[in-house]
Amino acid sequence: MPNFNVSWGGLFLRPALQSELLPEVKGLGGRPQTFDYMQYRSGPRQVGARNATGGGVAAVVQAASLALNERALTVALSRWLRQNHSKISDTLFEKRHDVFVVQVNYTTAKSMGNTVYMGGTTHLLGTVPTHDDIKEILTDTLLYGPQSFATPLNRSHSPQRAFLIGQRQKSVGEMLEIWRNQSPAPR
């Protein structure tokens, strides 16, 4: 999954946690999965060494290409946050809110064993005063309701969406005001 932890100019974005969207679900239990099927008998030493070296190089190249591809979405989200910083900050200031919710639409596809991430659109869904009020924006209809994605011609692409929670960094004056309001009155 791409890294959606982005910050710019006092605004911070992070993916919404599963616990913030849904009630906790208990697993079915059972024994842990074993990986016995991955153990094969060794063959001739030279062939095994050459295969191991080739496989190691291929794994490094594959991991590097996947990391670069994931980073492209992070850079696009960072650019969006930079371009919309003043709009988001003004909205938060006008409504006296601290938290905002963003939806990122992107597409994944499989290419030679790698997952390819293709950028899409990013939308500001709304603002709320605190983290506890996120359910006002992330409703069940939004999360599980009908979705309208353009269907690709070859159906090899899979549309995805991520919900991100952002907040603004409070200034020192705001922190002092909150502290004064929360501290007990002097006797």
Protein backbone atom coordinates (compact mmCIF):
# COMPACT_ATOMS: atom_id res chain seq x y z
CA MET A 1 0.00 0.00 0.00
CA PRO A 2 1.29 3.46 -0.78
CA ASN A 3 2.50 5.68 2.03
CA PHE A 4 -0.19 8.32 2.53
CA ASN A 5 1.48 9.99 5.53
CA VAL A 6 2.03 13.49 4.15
CA SER A 7 2.48 16.88 5.76
CA TRP A 8 2.80 20.43 4.47
CA GLY A 9 2.65 23.81 6.14
CA GLY A 10 1.16 22.68 9.43
CA LEU A 11 -1.34 20.22 7.90
CA PHE A 12 -0.82 16.50 8.44
CA LEU A 13 -2.51 13.61 6.58
CA ARG A 14 -2.62 9.94 7.55
CA PRO A 15 -4.74 6.95 6.50
CA ALA A 16 -7.91 6.36 8.48
CA LEU A 17 -7.48 3.43 10.84
CA GLN A 18 -9.80 0.45 10.62
CA SER A 19 -10.79 1.02 14.25
CA GLU A 20 -11.97 4.54 13.37
CA LEU A 21 -14.25 3.26 10.62
CA LEU A 22 -15.59 -0.04 11.95
CA PRO A 23 -16.22 -1.74 15.26
CA GLU A 24 -13.58 -4.28 16.25
CA VAL A 25 -14.00 -7.69 14.62
CA LYS A 26 -12.66 -10.76 16.39
CA GLY A 27 -10.83 -13.33 14.30
CA LEU A 28 -11.85 -16.92 13.84
CA GLY A 29 -8.83 -18.21 15.69
CA GLY A 30 -7.08 -21.41 14.71
CA ARG A 31 -3.45 -22.36 14.49
CA PRO A 32 -0.90 -20.16 12.76
CA GLN A 33 -0.18 -20.82 9.13
CA THR A 34 2.95 -22.85 8.53
CA PHE A 35 5.38 -22.35 5.71
CA ASP A 36 6.47 -25.97 5.28
CA TYR A 37 5.61 -25.88 1.59
CA MET A 38 8.50 -23.46 0.98
CA GLN A 39 11.16 -25.97 2.01
CA TYR A 40 12.46 -27.95 -0.91
CA ARG A 41 15.23 -30.48 -1.00
CA SER A 42 18.49 -28.92 -2.16
CA GLY A 43 19.89 -29.84 -5.54
CA PRO A 44 23.42 -29.53 -6.92
CA ARG A 45 25.34 -26.77 -5.15
CA GLN A 46 26.37 -24.80 -8.25
CA VAL A 47 22.89 -24.63 -9.77
CA GLY A 48 21.38 -23.67 -6.45
CA ALA A 49 23.94 -20.90 -5.90
CA ARG A 50 23.37 -19.45 -9.39
CA ASN A 51 19.61 -19.56 -8.95
CA ALA A 52 19.86 -17.92 -5.54
CA THR A 53 22.02 -15.10 -6.92
CA GLY A 54 19.71 -14.51 -9.88
CA GLY A 55 16.65 -14.61 -7.65
CA GLY A 56 18.23 -12.14 -5.23
CA VAL A 57 19.00 -9.66 -8.02
CA ALA A 58 15.48 -10.02 -9.43
CA ALA A 59 13.96 -9.47 -5.98
CA VAL A 60 16.00 -6.29 -5.45
CA VAL A 61 14.97 -4.89 -8.84
CA GLN A 62 11.34 -5.78 -8.22
CA ALA A 63 11.35 -4.19 -4.75
CA ALA A 64 12.99 -1.02 -6.08
CA SER A 65 10.48 -0.62 -8.91
CA LEU A 66 7.57 -1.17 -6.52
CA ALA A 67 8.95 1.38 -4.05
CA LEU A 68 9.39 3.99 -6.81
CA ASN A 69 5.88 3.35 -8.07
CA GLU A 70 4.35 3.69 -4.59
CA ARG A 71 6.34 6.88 -4.03
CA ALA A 72 4.69 8.44 -7.10
CA LEU A 73 1.30 8.44 -5.32
CA THR A 74 2.86 9.95 -2.20
CA VAL A 75 4.41 12.75 -4.24
CA ALA A 76 1.08 13.41 -6.02
CA LEU A 77 -0.75 13.60 -2.67
CA SER A 78 1.91 15.90 -1.25
CA ARG A 79 1.55 18.18 -4.30
CA TRP A 80 -2.25 18.21 -3.87
CA LEU A 81 -1.91 19.16 -0.20
CA ARG A 82 0.54 21.93 -1.10
CA GLN A 83 -1.81 23.33 -3.77
CA ASN A 84 -4.90 23.18 -1.52
CA HIS A 85 -3.21 24.23 1.73
CA SER A 86 -4.73 27.72 1.84
CA LYS A 87 -8.24 26.47 0.98
CA ILE A 88 -8.13 23.80 3.70
CA SER A 89 -6.61 26.16 6.27
CA ASP A 90 -9.24 28.85 5.56
CA THR A 91 -12.07 26.32 5.87
CA LEU A 92 -10.70 24.99 9.16
CA PHE A 93 -10.22 28.52 10.51
CA GLU A 94 -13.70 29.73 9.48
CA LYS A 95 -15.47 26.75 11.03
CA ARG A 96 -13.05 26.54 14.00
CA HIS A 97 -12.40 22.88 13.19
CA ASP A 98 -9.17 20.93 13.63
CA VAL A 99 -9.73 17.77 11.56
CA PHE A 100 -10.45 17.26 7.86
CA VAL A 101 -11.15 14.15 5.78
CA VAL A 102 -9.77 13.49 2.28
CA GLN A 103 -10.64 10.78 -0.24
CA VAL A 104 -7.95 9.58 -2.66
CA ASN A 105 -9.00 7.59 -5.73
CA TYR A 106 -6.32 5.59 -7.52
CA THR A 107 -6.06 2.49 -9.67
CA THR A 108 -3.98 -0.65 -9.29
CA ALA A 109 -2.97 -3.11 -11.98
CA LYS A 110 -0.74 -6.14 -12.14
CA SER A 111 2.28 -5.95 -14.41
CA MET A 112 4.82 -8.78 -14.52
CA GLY A 113 4.19 -9.73 -10.90
CA ASN A 114 4.34 -6.15 -9.61
CA THR A 115 1.44 -4.05 -8.49
CA VAL A 116 1.35 -0.80 -10.44
CA TYR A 117 -0.27 2.20 -8.77
CA MET A 118 -1.76 4.84 -11.05
CA GLY A 119 -2.79 8.18 -9.65
CA GLY A 120 -6.34 9.43 -9.71
CA THR A 121 -8.28 12.20 -8.06
CA THR A 122 -8.16 13.63 -4.54
CA HIS A 123 -11.14 15.29 -2.85
CA LEU A 124 -11.67 17.17 0.40
CA LEU A 125 -14.78 15.55 1.88
CA GLY A 126 -15.26 17.95 4.79
CA THR A 127 -14.08 19.18 8.17
CA VAL A 128 -15.07 18.29 11.73
CA PRO A 129 -14.14 19.76 15.14
CA THR A 130 -12.48 16.63 16.60
CA HIS A 131 -11.47 13.08 15.71
CA ASP A 132 -14.56 11.77 17.50
CA ASP A 133 -16.80 13.45 14.90
CA ILE A 134 -15.26 11.71 11.87
CA LYS A 135 -18.32 9.43 11.59
CA GLU A 136 -20.31 12.50 10.47
CA ILE A 137 -18.34 12.50 7.21
CA LEU A 138 -17.34 8.84 6.86
CA THR A 139 -20.87 7.46 6.93
CA ASP A 140 -21.81 3.88 6.10
CA THR A 141 -23.30 5.06 2.81
CA LEU A 142 -20.00 6.64 1.79
CA LEU A 143 -17.91 3.67 2.90
CA TYR A 144 -20.12 0.80 1.70
CA GLY A 145 -22.64 2.42 -0.64
CA PRO A 146 -22.63 2.37 -4.42
CA GLN A 147 -19.43 3.49 -6.10
CA SER A 148 -19.10 5.01 -9.53
CA PHE A 149 -15.78 4.12 -11.09
CA ALA A 150 -15.07 4.19 -14.79
CA THR A 151 -14.70 0.60 -15.94
CA PRO A 152 -11.51 0.12 -17.97
CA LEU A 153 -11.86 -1.50 -21.38
CA ASN A 154 -9.73 -4.52 -20.56
CA ARG A 155 -10.83 -4.87 -16.90
CA SER A 156 -7.23 -5.38 -15.80
CA HIS A 157 -7.31 -2.26 -13.67
CA SER A 158 -8.83 -2.25 -10.23
CA PRO A 159 -10.11 1.08 -8.83
CA GLN A 160 -9.19 1.76 -5.20
CA ARG A 161 -9.97 4.50 -2.73
CA ALA A 162 -8.39 5.54 0.51
CA PHE A 163 -9.82 7.76 3.21
CA LEU A 164 -7.27 10.00 4.91
CA ILE A 165 -7.65 11.98 8.10
CA GLY A 166 -5.85 15.27 8.35
CA GLN A 167 -5.37 17.73 11.13
CA ARG A 168 -3.77 21.10 11.53
CA GLN A 169 -0.92 21.78 13.87
CA LYS A 170 -1.96 24.13 16.63
CA SER A 171 0.01 27.25 17.31
CA VAL A 172 1.57 27.92 20.72
CA GLY A 173 -1.11 30.51 21.50
CA GLU A 174 -3.89 28.04 20.76
CA MET A 175 -2.26 25.40 22.92
CA LEU A 176 -1.99 27.88 25.85
CA GLU A 177 -5.64 28.83 25.43
CA ILE A 178 -6.72 25.18 25.49
CA TRP A 179 -4.54 24.55 28.55
CA ARG A 180 -6.04 27.56 30.36
CA ASN A 181 -9.58 26.42 29.58
CA GLN A 182 -8.89 22.88 30.79
CA SER A 183 -7.00 23.76 33.97
CA PRO A 184 -9.03 24.17 37.16
CA ALA A 185 -9.87 27.68 38.32
CA PRO A 186 -7.53 29.15 40.99
CA ARG A 187 -8.85 29.08 44.54
